[in-house]
Protein backbone atom coordinates (compact mmCIF):
# COMPACT_ATOMS: atom_id res chain seq x y z
CA MET A 1 42.40 44.53 4.79
CA PRO A 2 44.39 45.28 1.63
CA ASP A 3 46.73 48.25 1.46
CA LEU A 4 44.97 51.37 0.23
CA ASP A 5 46.49 53.56 -2.42
CA PRO A 6 46.88 57.00 -0.77
CA LYS A 7 45.76 58.70 -4.00
CA VAL A 8 42.49 56.76 -3.93
CA VAL A 9 41.89 57.89 -0.34
CA VAL A 10 42.69 61.54 -1.14
CA ASP A 11 40.45 61.46 -4.21
CA ALA A 12 37.60 59.98 -2.17
CA VAL A 13 37.89 62.59 0.60
CA ASP A 14 38.10 65.32 -2.02
CA GLU A 15 34.67 64.28 -3.32
CA LEU A 16 32.88 64.41 0.05
CA MET A 17 30.05 66.91 0.46
CA ASP A 18 31.58 68.06 3.77
CA GLY A 19 34.64 70.23 4.12
CA VAL A 20 37.68 68.40 5.47
CA MET A 21 40.99 69.76 6.71
CA LEU A 22 43.82 67.66 8.10
CA PHE A 23 46.52 69.22 10.31
CA ASP A 24 49.81 67.76 11.47
CA ALA A 25 51.13 67.68 15.04
CA ALA A 26 52.43 71.25 14.64
CA ASP A 27 48.95 72.47 13.62
CA LYS A 28 50.01 73.03 10.02
CA LEU A 29 47.57 72.26 7.23
CA VAL A 30 48.43 69.03 5.45
CA PHE A 31 45.29 68.55 3.34
CA CYS A 32 42.16 70.49 2.49
CA ASN A 33 39.48 69.05 0.26
CA ARG A 34 37.68 70.81 -2.58
CA ARG A 35 34.48 71.30 -0.60
CA GLN A 36 36.28 73.13 2.22
CA LYS A 37 37.60 75.60 -0.36
CA GLU A 38 34.09 76.07 -1.73
CA LEU A 39 32.68 76.67 1.76
CA TYR A 40 35.36 79.22 2.68
CA PRO A 41 36.32 81.10 -0.50
CA GLN A 42 37.53 84.04 1.60
CA LEU A 43 40.31 81.76 2.89
CA ALA A 44 41.22 80.33 -0.52
CA ASP A 45 44.72 81.86 -0.56
CA LEU A 46 45.44 80.35 2.87
CA LEU A 47 44.04 76.87 2.29
CA VAL A 48 47.39 75.49 1.22
CA THR A 49 49.80 73.00 2.75
CA GLY A 50 51.78 74.52 5.60
CA THR A 51 49.34 77.22 6.72
CA SER A 52 48.93 77.21 10.48
CA PHE A 53 45.59 76.62 12.15
CA GLU A 54 46.08 79.90 14.03
CA THR A 55 46.53 81.80 10.75
CA LEU A 56 43.28 80.35 9.42
CA VAL A 57 41.37 81.15 12.63
CA ARG A 58 42.74 84.71 12.81
CA SER A 59 41.97 85.37 9.16
CA ASN A 60 38.42 84.08 9.46
CA VAL A 61 37.79 86.18 12.58
CA GLY A 62 39.53 89.21 11.09
CA GLN A 63 37.23 89.11 8.09
CA GLY A 64 34.18 89.20 10.37
CA GLN A 65 33.14 85.66 9.44
CA VAL A 66 32.56 84.55 13.05
CA ASP A 67 29.57 86.35 14.55
CA THR A 68 30.19 84.99 18.04
CA ALA A 69 33.72 86.47 18.04
CA ILE A 70 32.70 90.06 17.28
CA GLY A 71 33.77 92.31 20.13
CA ARG A 72 35.77 89.57 21.83
CA GLU A 73 38.04 88.43 19.04
CA GLU A 74 41.17 87.61 21.06
CA GLU A 75 39.19 85.71 23.70
CA TRP A 76 37.42 83.69 20.99
CA ILE A 77 40.69 82.97 19.16
CA ALA A 78 42.45 81.94 22.38
CA ALA A 79 39.67 79.45 23.13
CA ARG A 80 40.09 77.88 19.68
CA LEU A 81 43.85 77.58 20.09
CA LEU A 82 43.74 75.64 23.36
CA PRO A 83 45.61 72.34 23.11
CA THR A 84 43.47 69.45 22.00
CA ILE A 85 43.46 66.01 23.51
CA PRO A 86 45.35 63.61 21.21
């Protein structure tokens, strides 16, 4: 398989109809495509390189965007922040 130009890959992912976010090993945002920003305009200021996953989750919950978290916000957040299997 030939080497892919990273810009071509980023441009392709940016055009997907689904929202895509990529985090590094420290759970910091590395990439967010255009569609993700359209789906979550209330997070627009946070959808930048370096924002932590926890910050995004807390902001979303804090803005009342997660119905299933209402009344049990910290429990819901804690469940989302559990380590993932690599």
